[in-house]
Amino acid sequence: MYTNKIGCTVYERKVGADRMETYIRHFIPTIYCEDARGQAQSGTGTMKQQDSVLCIIPASSLSDYIPKRNDRIFCGRCNDAEPPENCRTVMEVKNFRYGSPEVQHIEVTAV
């Protein structure tokens, strides 16, 4: 599978009993990352910037952790304990871990 980045840092979001958010940092090596820029029209007729990122993680790069909705993702290595300002929020995770081992992967879309 084609990859173009050294990896990504995913901040797993946890919410405690006191409703405070904490994050667990996971580094996933060797990924394909693609930025998408676009616009969406709101109900009032105004245009709104709608940027997103598509991150394709080969099955061989996965460990026991798989990103999930509302986690934060940063394309590249980040050693901060908290997610930096330019992190994106994971909106969708698609599992394609079937078929030939060379093409098994997970697709993460974040905004």
PDB file of N, CA and C in Angstrom:
ATOM      1  N   MET A   1       0.842  -1.169   0.000  1.00  0.00           N
ATOM      2  CA  MET A   1       0.000   0.000   0.000  1.00  0.00           C
ATOM      3  C   MET A   1       0.893   1.240   0.000  1.00  0.00           C
ATOM      4  N   TYR A   2       0.522   2.227  -0.784  1.00  0.00           N
ATOM      5  CA  TYR A   2       1.283   3.467  -0.898  1.00  0.00           C
ATOM      6  C   TYR A   2       1.117   4.316   0.359  1.00  0.00           C
ATOM      7  N   THR A   3       2.225   4.799   0.894  1.00  0.00           N
ATOM      8  CA  THR A   3       2.194   5.697   2.053  1.00  0.00           C
ATOM      9  C   THR A   3       3.010   6.940   1.726  1.00  0.00           C
ATOM     10  N   ASN A   4       2.672   8.071   2.366  1.00  0.00           N
ATOM     11  CA  ASN A   4       3.379   9.314   2.096  1.00  0.00           C
ATOM     12  C   ASN A   4       3.779  10.087   3.350  1.00  0.00           C
ATOM     13  N   LYS A   5       3.495   9.580   4.530  1.00  0.00           N
ATOM     14  CA  LYS A   5       3.845  10.268   5.775  1.00  0.00           C
ATOM     15  C   LYS A   5       4.531   9.304   6.726  1.00  0.00           C
ATOM     16  N   ILE A   6       5.346   9.882   7.595  1.00  0.00           N
ATOM     17  CA  ILE A   6       6.047   9.083   8.603  1.00  0.00           C
ATOM     18  C   ILE A   6       5.061   8.475   9.597  1.00  0.00           C
ATOM     19  N   GLY A   7       3.913   9.083   9.757  1.00  0.00           N
ATOM     20  CA  GLY A   7       2.911   8.559  10.672  1.00  0.00           C
ATOM     21  C   GLY A   7       1.970   9.648  11.134  1.00  0.00           C
ATOM     22  N   CYS A   8       1.109   9.299  12.083  1.00  0.00           N
ATOM     23  CA  CYS A   8       0.192  10.282  12.663  1.00  0.00           C
ATOM     24  C   CYS A   8       0.086  10.026  14.163  1.00  0.00           C
ATOM     25  N   THR A   9      -0.251  11.091  14.852  1.00  0.00           N
ATOM     26  CA  THR A   9      -0.462  11.006  16.290  1.00  0.00           C
ATOM     27  C   THR A   9      -1.958  11.129  16.540  1.00  0.00           C
ATOM     28  N   VAL A  10      -2.527  10.155  17.226  1.00  0.00           N
ATOM     29  CA  VAL A  10      -3.950  10.176  17.555  1.00  0.00           C
ATOM     30  C   VAL A  10      -4.078  10.355  19.057  1.00  0.00           C
ATOM     31  N   TYR A  11      -4.900  11.310  19.435  1.00  0.00           N
ATOM     32  CA  TYR A  11      -5.178  11.560  20.847  1.00  0.00           C
ATOM     33  C   TYR A  11      -6.538  10.945  21.167  1.00  0.00           C
ATOM     34  N   GLU A  12      -6.501   9.818  21.875  1.00  0.00           N
ATOM     35  CA  GLU A  12      -7.725   9.117  22.251  1.00  0.00           C
ATOM     36  C   GLU A  12      -8.436   9.916  23.337  1.00  0.00           C
ATOM     37  N   ARG A  13      -9.670  10.285  23.070  1.00  0.00           N
ATOM     38  CA  ARG A  13     -10.448  11.111  24.000  1.00  0.00           C
ATOM     39  C   ARG A  13     -11.123  10.225  25.036  1.00  0.00           C
ATOM     40  N   LYS A  14     -10.919  10.567  26.295  1.00  0.00           N
ATOM     41  CA  LYS A  14     -11.567   9.883  27.414  1.00  0.00           C
ATOM     42  C   LYS A  14     -12.298  10.931  28.238  1.00  0.00           C
ATOM     43  N   VAL A  15     -13.499  10.612  28.684  1.00  0.00           N
ATOM     44  CA  VAL A  15     -14.276  11.512  29.529  1.00  0.00           C
ATOM     45  C   VAL A  15     -14.486  10.812  30.856  1.00  0.00           C
ATOM     46  N   GLY A  16     -14.002  11.447  31.934  1.00  0.00           N
ATOM     47  CA  GLY A  16     -14.104  10.856  33.258  1.00  0.00           C
ATOM     48  C   GLY A  16     -15.469  11.065  33.881  1.00  0.00           C
ATOM     49  N   ALA A  17     -15.656  10.522  35.081  1.00  0.00           N
ATOM     50  CA  ALA A  17     -16.917  10.659  35.808  1.00  0.00           C
ATOM     51  C   ALA A  17     -17.218  12.122  36.127  1.00  0.00           C
ATOM     52  N   ASP A  18     -16.161  12.936  36.251  1.00  0.00           N
ATOM     53  CA  ASP A  18     -16.341  14.360  36.524  1.00  0.00           C
ATOM     54  C   ASP A  18     -16.532  15.181  35.246  1.00  0.00           C
ATOM     55  N   ARG A  19     -16.691  14.493  34.104  1.00  0.00           N
ATOM     56  CA  ARG A  19     -16.906  15.091  32.781  1.00  0.00           C
ATOM     57  C   ARG A  19     -15.699  15.861  32.255  1.00  0.00           C
ATOM     58  N   MET A  20     -14.541  15.618  32.832  1.00  0.00           N
ATOM     59  CA  MET A  20     -13.318  16.250  32.361  1.00  0.00           C
ATOM     60  C   MET A  20     -12.711  15.383  31.258  1.00  0.00           C
ATOM     61  N   GLU A  21     -12.263  16.031  30.187  1.00  0.00           N
ATOM     62  CA  GLU A  21     -11.642  15.326  29.079  1.00  0.00           C
ATOM     63  C   GLU A  21     -10.167  15.091  29.366  1.00  0.00           C
ATOM     64  N   THR A  22      -9.714  13.893  29.087  1.00  0.00           N
ATOM     65  CA  THR A  22      -8.292  13.576  29.120  1.00  0.00           C
ATOM     66  C   THR A  22      -7.966  12.873  27.809  1.00  0.00           C
ATOM     67  N   TYR A  23      -6.686  12.873  27.463  1.00  0.00           N
ATOM     68  CA  TYR A  23      -6.268  12.289  26.196  1.00  0.00           C
ATOM     69  C   TYR A  23      -5.122  11.312  26.407  1.00  0.00           C
ATOM     70  N   ILE A  24      -5.174  10.220  25.661  1.00  0.00           N
ATOM     71  CA  ILE A  24      -4.090   9.242  25.633  1.00  0.00           C
ATOM     72  C   ILE A  24      -3.486   9.315  24.244  1.00  0.00           C
ATOM     73  N   ARG A  25      -2.188   9.553  24.169  1.00  0.00           N
ATOM     74  CA  ARG A  25      -1.511   9.734  22.888  1.00  0.00           C
ATOM     75  C   ARG A  25      -1.089   8.380  22.305  1.00  0.00           C
ATOM     76  N   HIS A  26      -1.377   8.184  21.005  1.00  0.00           N
ATOM     77  CA  HIS A  26      -0.977   6.989  20.263  1.00  0.00           C
ATOM     78  C   HIS A  26      -0.285   7.443  18.991  1.00  0.00           C
ATOM     79  N   PHE A  27       0.859   6.855  18.686  1.00  0.00           N
ATOM     80  CA  PHE A  27       1.532   7.151  17.420  1.00  0.00           C
ATOM     81  C   PHE A  27       1.343   5.959  16.489  1.00  0.00           C
ATOM     82  N   ILE A  28       0.861   6.231  15.275  1.00  0.00           N
ATOM     83  CA  ILE A  28       0.643   5.188  14.275  1.00  0.00           C
ATOM     84  C   ILE A  28       1.618   5.449  13.135  1.00  0.00           C
ATOM     85  N   PRO A  29       2.570   4.537  12.902  1.00  0.00           N
ATOM     86  CA  PRO A  29       3.593   4.777  11.876  1.00  0.00           C
ATOM     87  C   PRO A  29       3.108   4.477  10.460  1.00  0.00           C
ATOM     88  N   THR A  30       3.729   5.097   9.504  1.00  0.00           N
ATOM     89  CA  THR A  30       3.598   4.822   8.074  1.00  0.00           C
ATOM     90  C   THR A  30       2.143   4.847   7.602  1.00  0.00           C
ATOM     91  N   ILE A  31       1.692   6.026   7.201  1.00  0.00           N
ATOM     92  CA  ILE A  31       0.315   6.212   6.764  1.00  0.00           C
ATOM     93  C   ILE A  31       0.275   6.956   5.434  1.00  0.00           C
ATOM     94  N   TYR A  32      -0.907   7.052   4.859  1.00  0.00           N
ATOM     95  CA  TYR A  32      -1.164   7.925   3.721  1.00  0.00           C
ATOM     96  C   TYR A  32      -2.109   9.009   4.213  1.00  0.00           C
ATOM     97  N   CYS A  33      -1.734  10.267   4.024  1.00  0.00           N
ATOM     98  CA  CYS A  33      -2.533  11.381   4.515  1.00  0.00           C
ATOM     99  C   CYS A  33      -2.783  12.352   3.364  1.00  0.00           C
ATOM    100  N   GLU A  34      -4.029  12.817   3.246  1.00  0.00           N
ATOM    101  CA  GLU A  34      -4.407  13.700   2.149  1.00  0.00           C
ATOM    102  C   GLU A  34      -5.338  14.793   2.677  1.00  0.00           C
ATOM    103  N   ASP A  35      -4.949  16.063   2.466  1.00  0.00           N
ATOM    104  CA  ASP A  35      -5.794  17.192   2.848  1.00  0.00           C
ATOM    105  C   ASP A  35      -6.799  17.470   1.743  1.00  0.00           C
ATOM    106  N   ALA A  36      -8.020  17.795   2.129  1.00  0.00           N
ATOM    107  CA  ALA A  36      -9.060  18.159   1.171  1.00  0.00           C
ATOM    108  C   ALA A  36      -9.620  19.518   1.571  1.00  0.00           C
ATOM    109  N   ARG A  37      -9.717  20.394   0.600  1.00  0.00           N
ATOM    110  CA  ARG A  37     -10.275  21.718   0.853  1.00  0.00           C
ATOM    111  C   ARG A  37     -11.565  21.855   0.070  1.00  0.00           C
ATOM    112  N   GLY A  38     -12.541  22.482   0.682  1.00  0.00           N
ATOM    113  CA  GLY A  38     -13.811  22.666   0.004  1.00  0.00           C
ATOM    114  C   GLY A  38     -14.667  23.694   0.698  1.00  0.00           C
ATOM    115  N   GLN A  39     -15.823  23.925   0.135  1.00  0.00           N
ATOM    116  CA  GLN A  39     -16.784  24.840   0.709  1.00  0.00           C
ATOM    117  C   GLN A  39     -18.145  24.180   0.719  1.00  0.00           C
ATOM    118  N   ALA A  40     -18.950  24.574   1.690  1.00  0.00           N
ATOM    119  CA  ALA A  40     -20.314  24.077   1.773  1.00  0.00           C
ATOM    120  C   ALA A  40     -21.236  25.269   1.942  1.00  0.00           C
ATOM    121  N   GLN A  41     -22.407  25.178   1.339  1.00  0.00           N
ATOM    122  CA  GLN A  41     -23.368  26.267   1.443  1.00  0.00           C
ATOM    123  C   GLN A  41     -24.288  25.997   2.615  1.00  0.00           C
ATOM    124  N   SER A  42     -24.431  27.003   3.480  1.00  0.00           N
ATOM    125  CA  SER A  42     -25.316  26.850   4.631  1.00  0.00           C
ATOM    126  C   SER A  42     -26.749  27.137   4.206  1.00  0.00           C
ATOM    127  N   GLY A  43     -27.689  26.931   5.098  1.00  0.00           N
ATOM    128  CA  GLY A  43     -29.103  27.158   4.805  1.00  0.00           C
ATOM    129  C   GLY A  43     -29.432  28.607   4.503  1.00  0.00           C
ATOM    130  N   THR A  44     -28.588  29.526   4.975  1.00  0.00           N
ATOM    131  CA  THR A  44     -28.844  30.950   4.740  1.00  0.00           C
ATOM    132  C   THR A  44     -28.221  31.444   3.450  1.00  0.00           C
ATOM    133  N   GLY A  45     -27.575  30.569   2.708  1.00  0.00           N
ATOM    134  CA  GLY A  45     -26.988  30.941   1.428  1.00  0.00           C
ATOM    135  C   GLY A  45     -25.548  31.388   1.500  1.00  0.00           C
ATOM    136  N   THR A  46     -24.961  31.419   2.687  1.00  0.00           N
ATOM    137  CA  THR A  46     -23.566  31.813   2.808  1.00  0.00           C
ATOM    138  C   THR A  46     -22.665  30.594   2.629  1.00  0.00           C
ATOM    139  N   MET A  47     -21.471  30.849   2.139  1.00  0.00           N
ATOM    140  CA  MET A  47     -20.500  29.777   1.930  1.00  0.00           C
ATOM    141  C   MET A  47     -19.634  29.633   3.180  1.00  0.00           C
ATOM    142  N   LYS A  48     -19.367  28.408   3.556  1.00  0.00           N
ATOM    143  CA  LYS A  48     -18.568  28.112   4.737  1.00  0.00           C
ATOM    144  C   LYS A  48     -17.418  27.201   4.319  1.00  0.00           C
ATOM    145  N   GLN A  49     -16.202  27.505   4.800  1.00  0.00           N
ATOM    146  CA  GLN A  49     -15.038  26.675   4.491  1.00  0.00           C
ATOM    147  C   GLN A  49     -15.206  25.309   5.148  1.00  0.00           C
ATOM    148  N   GLN A  50     -14.971  24.245   4.409  1.00  0.00           N
ATOM    149  CA  GLN A  50     -15.149  22.883   4.895  1.00  0.00           C
ATOM    150  C   GLN A  50     -13.894  22.074   4.572  1.00  0.00           C
ATOM    151  N   ASP A  51     -12.840  22.247   5.359  1.00  0.00           N
ATOM    152  CA  ASP A  51     -11.596  21.514   5.148  1.00  0.00           C
ATOM    153  C   ASP A  51     -11.640  20.201   5.914  1.00  0.00           C
ATOM    154  N   SER A  52     -11.008  19.177   5.357  1.00  0.00           N
ATOM    155  CA  SER A  52     -10.961  17.882   6.028  1.00  0.00           C
ATOM    156  C   SER A  52      -9.646  17.195   5.686  1.00  0.00           C
ATOM    157  N   VAL A  53      -9.387  16.095   6.359  1.00  0.00           N
ATOM    158  CA  VAL A  53      -8.204  15.290   6.084  1.00  0.00           C
ATOM    159  C   VAL A  53      -8.634  13.827   6.011  1.00  0.00           C
ATOM    160  N   LEU A  54      -8.076  13.116   5.034  1.00  0.00           N
ATOM    161  CA  LEU A  54      -8.299  11.679   4.893  1.00  0.00           C
ATOM    162  C   LEU A  54      -6.998  10.990   5.255  1.00  0.00           C
ATOM    163  N   CYS A  55      -7.063  10.114   6.226  1.00  0.00           N
ATOM    164  CA  CYS A  55      -5.884   9.393   6.686  1.00  0.00           C
ATOM    165  C   CYS A  55      -6.140   7.901   6.480  1.00  0.00           C
ATOM    166  N   ILE A  56      -5.307   7.282   5.645  1.00  0.00           N
ATOM    167  CA  ILE A  56      -5.439   5.849   5.379  1.00  0.00           C
ATOM    168  C   ILE A  56      -4.324   5.130   6.130  1.00  0.00           C
ATOM    169  N   ILE A  57      -4.733   4.252   7.023  1.00  0.00           N
ATOM    170  CA  ILE A  57      -3.789   3.534   7.888  1.00  0.00           C
ATOM    171  C   ILE A  57      -3.738   2.079   7.447  1.00  0.00           C
ATOM    172  N   PRO A  58      -2.602   1.623   6.887  1.00  0.00           N
ATOM    173  CA  PRO A  58      -2.487   0.210   6.513  1.00  0.00           C
ATOM    174  C   PRO A  58      -2.633  -0.689   7.737  1.00  0.00           C
ATOM    175  N   ALA A  59      -3.205  -1.855   7.543  1.00  0.00           N
ATOM    176  CA  ALA A  59      -3.393  -2.800   8.651  1.00  0.00           C
ATOM    177  C   ALA A  59      -2.064  -3.145   9.314  1.00  0.00           C
ATOM    178  N   SER A  60      -0.986  -3.144   8.549  1.00  0.00           N
ATOM    179  CA  SER A  60       0.330  -3.461   9.111  1.00  0.00           C
ATOM    180  C   SER A  60       0.825  -2.382  10.070  1.00  0.00           C
ATOM    181  N   SER A  61       0.279  -1.174   9.996  1.00  0.00           N
ATOM    182  CA  SER A  61       0.678  -0.087  10.904  1.00  0.00           C
ATOM    183  C   SER A  61      -0.153  -0.044  12.179  1.00  0.00           C
ATOM    184  N   LEU A  62      -1.236  -0.816  12.227  1.00  0.00           N
ATOM    185  CA  LEU A  62      -2.128  -0.791  13.390  1.00  0.00           C
ATOM    186  C   LEU A  62      -1.579  -1.641  14.524  1.00  0.00           C
ATOM    187  N   SER A  63      -1.838  -1.195  15.726  1.00  0.00           N
ATOM    188  CA  SER A  63      -1.525  -1.984  16.917  1.00  0.00           C
ATOM    189  C   SER A  63      -2.866  -2.404  17.525  1.00  0.00           C
ATOM    190  N   ASP A  64      -2.965  -2.426  18.839  1.00  0.00           N
ATOM    191  CA  ASP A  64      -4.222  -2.791  19.479  1.00  0.00           C
ATOM    192  C   ASP A  64      -5.204  -1.619  19.541  1.00  0.00           C
ATOM    193  N   TYR A  65      -4.766  -0.413  19.149  1.00  0.00           N
ATOM    194  CA  TYR A  65      -5.643   0.759  19.190  1.00  0.00           C
ATOM    195  C   TYR A  65      -6.111   1.133  17.786  1.00  0.00           C
ATOM    196  N   ILE A  66      -7.406   1.400  17.648  1.00  0.00           N
ATOM    197  CA  ILE A  66      -7.994   1.875  16.403  1.00  0.00           C
ATOM    198  C   ILE A  66      -8.684   3.201  16.705  1.00  0.00           C
ATOM    199  N   PRO A  67      -8.403   4.240  15.922  1.00  0.00           N
ATOM    200  CA  PRO A  67      -9.059   5.537  16.169  1.00  0.00           C
ATOM    201  C   PRO A  67     -10.574   5.409  16.119  1.00  0.00           C
ATOM    202  N   LYS A  68     -11.250   6.297  16.845  1.00  0.00           N
ATOM    203  CA  LYS A  68     -12.709   6.302  16.866  1.00  0.00           C
ATOM    204  C   LYS A  68     -13.227   7.735  16.792  1.00  0.00           C
ATOM    205  N   ARG A  69     -14.517   7.875  16.568  1.00  0.00           N
ATOM    206  CA  ARG A  69     -15.148   9.187  16.448  1.00  0.00           C
ATOM    207  C   ARG A  69     -14.849  10.050  17.681  1.00  0.00           C
ATOM    208  N   ASN A  70     -14.590  11.330  17.463  1.00  0.00           N
ATOM    209  CA  ASN A  70     -14.295  12.356  18.467  1.00  0.00           C
ATOM    210  C   ASN A  70     -12.875  12.298  19.016  1.00  0.00           C
ATOM    211  N   ASP A  71     -12.061  11.344  18.566  1.00  0.00           N
ATOM    212  CA  ASP A  71     -10.639  11.410  18.894  1.00  0.00           C
ATOM    213  C   ASP A  71     -10.047  12.568  18.102  1.00  0.00           C
ATOM    214  N   ARG A  72      -8.843  12.977  18.443  1.00  0.00           N
ATOM    215  CA  ARG A  72      -8.159  14.052  17.731  1.00  0.00           C
ATOM    216  C   ARG A  72      -6.986  13.443  16.976  1.00  0.00           C
ATOM    217  N   ILE A  73      -6.728  13.932  15.754  1.00  0.00           N
ATOM    218  CA  ILE A  73      -5.661  13.369  14.937  1.00  0.00           C
ATOM    219  C   ILE A  73      -4.758  14.485  14.415  1.00  0.00           C
ATOM    220  N   PHE A  74      -3.463  14.199  14.414  1.00  0.00           N
ATOM    221  CA  PHE A  74      -2.447  15.130  13.920  1.00  0.00           C
ATOM    222  C   PHE A  74      -1.573  14.347  12.950  1.00  0.00           C
ATOM    223  N   CYS A  75      -1.520  14.769  11.691  1.00  0.00           N
ATOM    224  CA  CYS A  75      -0.675  14.083  10.706  1.00  0.00           C
ATOM    225  C   CYS A  75       0.781  14.441  10.970  1.00  0.00           C
ATOM    226  N   GLY A  76       1.541  13.481  11.426  1.00  0.00           N
ATOM    227  CA  GLY A  76       2.930  13.675  11.807  1.00  0.00           C
ATOM    228  C   GLY A  76       3.138  13.234  13.242  1.00  0.00           C
ATOM    229  N   ARG A  77       4.363  13.358  13.691  1.00  0.00           N
ATOM    230  CA  ARG A  77       4.685  12.979  15.073  1.00  0.00           C
ATOM    231  C   ARG A  77       4.535  14.194  15.978  1.00  0.00           C
ATOM    232  N   CYS A  78       3.853  14.015  17.089  1.00  0.00           N
ATOM    233  CA  CYS A  78       3.661  15.084  18.061  1.00  0.00           C
ATOM    234  C   CYS A  78       3.877  14.488  19.442  1.00  0.00           C
ATOM    235  N   ASN A  79       4.737  15.110  20.238  1.00  0.00           N
ATOM    236  CA  ASN A  79       5.052  14.588  21.564  1.00  0.00           C
ATOM    237  C   ASN A  79       4.330  15.327  22.679  1.00  0.00           C
ATOM    238  N   ASP A  80       3.417  16.259  22.327  1.00  0.00           N
ATOM    239  CA  ASP A  80       2.660  16.993  23.343  1.00  0.00           C
ATOM    240  C   ASP A  80       1.700  16.056  24.065  1.00  0.00           C
ATOM    241  N   ALA A  81       1.495  16.296  25.349  1.00  0.00           N
ATOM    242  CA  ALA A  81       0.568  15.479  26.123  1.00  0.00           C
ATOM    243  C   ALA A  81      -0.881  15.783  25.756  1.00  0.00           C
ATOM    244  N   GLU A  82      -1.169  17.033  25.396  1.00  0.00           N
ATOM    245  CA  GLU A  82      -2.494  17.460  24.978  1.00  0.00           C
ATOM    246  C   GLU A  82      -2.485  17.709  23.474  1.00  0.00           C
ATOM    247  N   PRO A  83      -3.615  17.557  22.805  1.00  0.00           N
ATOM    248  CA  PRO A  83      -3.650  17.804  21.361  1.00  0.00           C
ATOM    249  C   PRO A  83      -3.307  19.256  21.030  1.00  0.00           C
ATOM    250  N   PRO A  84      -2.448  19.505  20.039  1.00  0.00           N
ATOM    251  CA  PRO A  84      -2.146  20.878  19.653  1.00  0.00           C
ATOM    252  C   PRO A  84      -3.343  21.525  18.947  1.00  0.00           C
ATOM    253  N   GLU A  85      -3.270  22.827  18.759  1.00  0.00           N
ATOM    254  CA  GLU A  85      -4.369  23.582  18.168  1.00  0.00           C
ATOM    255  C   GLU A  85      -4.732  23.110  16.757  1.00  0.00           C
ATOM    256  N   ASN A  86      -3.751  22.672  15.977  1.00  0.00           N
ATOM    257  CA  ASN A  86      -4.023  22.302  14.586  1.00  0.00           C
ATOM    258  C   ASN A  86      -4.423  20.832  14.419  1.00  0.00           C
ATOM    259  N   CYS A  87      -4.854  20.182  15.484  1.00  0.00           N
ATOM    260  CA  CYS A  87      -5.386  18.816  15.391  1.00  0.00           C
ATOM    261  C   CYS A  87      -6.770  18.843  14.770  1.00  0.00           C
ATOM    262  N   ARG A  88      -7.137  17.767  14.132  1.00  0.00           N
ATOM    263  CA  ARG A  88      -8.472  17.617  13.546  1.00  0.00           C
ATOM    264  C   ARG A  88      -9.275  16.632  14.385  1.00  0.00           C
ATOM    265  N   THR A  89     -10.591  16.761  14.354  1.00  0.00           N
ATOM    266  CA  THR A  89     -11.482  15.860  15.079  1.00  0.00           C
ATOM    267  C   THR A  89     -11.945  14.741  14.151  1.00  0.00           C
ATOM    268  N   VAL A  90     -11.788  13.506  14.596  1.00  0.00           N
ATOM    269  CA  VAL A  90     -12.181  12.343  13.803  1.00  0.00           C
ATOM    270  C   VAL A  90     -13.709  12.303  13.729  1.00  0.00           C
ATOM    271  N   MET A  91     -14.218  12.235  12.500  1.00  0.00           N
ATOM    272  CA  MET A  91     -15.657  12.194  12.282  1.00  0.00           C
ATOM    273  C   MET A  91     -16.139  10.799  11.841  1.00  0.00           C
ATOM    274  N   GLU A  92     -15.273  10.078  11.116  1.00  0.00           N
ATOM    275  CA  GLU A  92     -15.697   8.784  10.584  1.00  0.00           C
ATOM    276  C   GLU A  92     -14.497   7.853  10.475  1.00  0.00           C
ATOM    277  N   VAL A  93     -14.713   6.590  10.807  1.00  0.00           N
ATOM    278  CA  VAL A  93     -13.692   5.557  10.664  1.00  0.00           C
ATOM    279  C   VAL A  93     -14.320   4.395   9.900  1.00  0.00           C
ATOM    280  N   LYS A  94     -13.695   4.035   8.774  1.00  0.00           N
ATOM    281  CA  LYS A  94     -14.179   2.926   7.954  1.00  0.00           C
ATOM    282  C   LYS A  94     -13.158   1.794   8.015  1.00  0.00           C
ATOM    283  N   ASN A  95     -13.646   0.590   8.243  1.00  0.00           N
ATOM    284  CA  ASN A  95     -12.788  -0.578   8.394  1.00  0.00           C
ATOM    285  C   ASN A  95     -12.758  -1.370   7.086  1.00  0.00           C
ATOM    286  N   PHE A  96     -11.590  -1.440   6.463  1.00  0.00           N
ATOM    287  CA  PHE A  96     -11.398  -2.222   5.250  1.00  0.00           C
ATOM    288  C   PHE A  96     -10.338  -3.297   5.481  1.00  0.00           C
ATOM    289  N   ARG A  97     -10.412  -3.977   6.618  1.00  0.00           N
ATOM    290  CA  ARG A  97      -9.447  -5.024   6.938  1.00  0.00           C
ATOM    291  C   ARG A  97      -9.980  -6.380   6.502  1.00  0.00           C
ATOM    292  N   TYR A  98     -10.148  -6.524   5.211  1.00  0.00           N
ATOM    293  CA  TYR A  98     -10.555  -7.796   4.618  1.00  0.00           C
ATOM    294  C   TYR A  98      -9.908  -7.882   3.238  1.00  0.00           C
ATOM    295  N   GLY A  99      -9.953  -9.043   2.645  1.00  0.00           N
ATOM    296  CA  GLY A  99      -9.338  -9.234   1.333  1.00  0.00           C
ATOM    297  C   GLY A  99      -7.848  -9.487   1.458  1.00  0.00           C
ATOM    298  N   SER A 100      -7.133  -9.163   0.405  1.00  0.00           N
ATOM    299  CA  SER A 100      -5.695  -9.387   0.338  1.00  0.00           C
ATOM    300  C   SER A 100      -4.969  -8.585   1.425  1.00  0.00           C
ATOM    301  N   PRO A 101      -4.006  -9.189   2.129  1.00  0.00           N
ATOM    302  CA  PRO A 101      -3.299  -8.482   3.202  1.00  0.00           C
ATOM    303  C   PRO A 101      -2.600  -7.194   2.741  1.00  0.00           C
ATOM    304  N   GLU A 102      -2.224  -7.114   1.467  1.00  0.00           N
ATOM    305  CA  GLU A 102      -1.521  -5.932   0.968  1.00  0.00           C
ATOM    306  C   GLU A 102      -2.409  -4.696   0.878  1.00  0.00           C
ATOM    307  N   VAL A 103      -3.718  -4.876   0.855  1.00  0.00           N
ATOM    308  CA  VAL A 103      -4.620  -3.734   0.706  1.00  0.00           C
ATOM    309  C   VAL A 103      -5.512  -3.499   1.922  1.00  0.00           C
ATOM    310  N   GLN A 104      -5.377  -4.275   2.964  1.00  0.00           N
ATOM    311  CA  GLN A 104      -6.185  -4.075   4.161  1.00  0.00           C
ATOM    312  C   GLN A 104      -5.782  -2.765   4.834  1.00  0.00           C
ATOM    313  N   HIS A 105      -6.793  -1.973   5.236  1.00  0.00           N
ATOM    314  CA  HIS A 105      -6.528  -0.680   5.831  1.00  0.00           C
ATOM    315  C   HIS A 105      -7.755  -0.142   6.564  1.00  0.00           C
ATOM    316  N   ILE A 106      -7.546   0.974   7.233  1.00  0.00           N
ATOM    317  CA  ILE A 106      -8.619   1.719   7.883  1.00  0.00           C
ATOM    318  C   ILE A 106      -8.578   3.140   7.349  1.00  0.00           C
ATOM    319  N   GLU A 107      -9.729   3.713   7.016  1.00  0.00           N
ATOM    320  CA  GLU A 107      -9.806   5.094   6.539  1.00  0.00           C
ATOM    321  C   GLU A 107     -10.405   5.972   7.625  1.00  0.00           C
ATOM    322  N   VAL A 108      -9.694   7.036   7.953  1.00  0.00           N
ATOM    323  CA  VAL A 108     -10.137   7.969   8.992  1.00  0.00           C
ATOM    324  C   VAL A 108     -10.359   9.320   8.319  1.00  0.00           C
ATOM    325  N   THR A 109     -11.560   9.873   8.484  1.00  0.00           N
ATOM    326  CA  THR A 109     -11.876  11.199   7.976  1.00  0.00           C
ATOM    327  C   THR A 109     -12.034  12.134   9.170  1.00  0.00           C
ATOM    328  N   ALA A 110     -11.337  13.265   9.108  1.00  0.00           N
ATOM    329  CA  ALA A 110     -11.360  14.221  10.208  1.00  0.00           C
ATOM    330  C   ALA A 110     -11.539  15.638   9.687  1.00  0.00           C
ATOM    331  N   VAL A 111     -12.205  16.471  10.479  1.00  0.00           N
ATOM    332  CA  VAL A 111     -12.399  17.883  10.119  1.00  0.00           C
ATOM    333  C   VAL A 111     -11.831  18.772  11.201  1.00  0.00           C
TER     334      VAL A 111
END
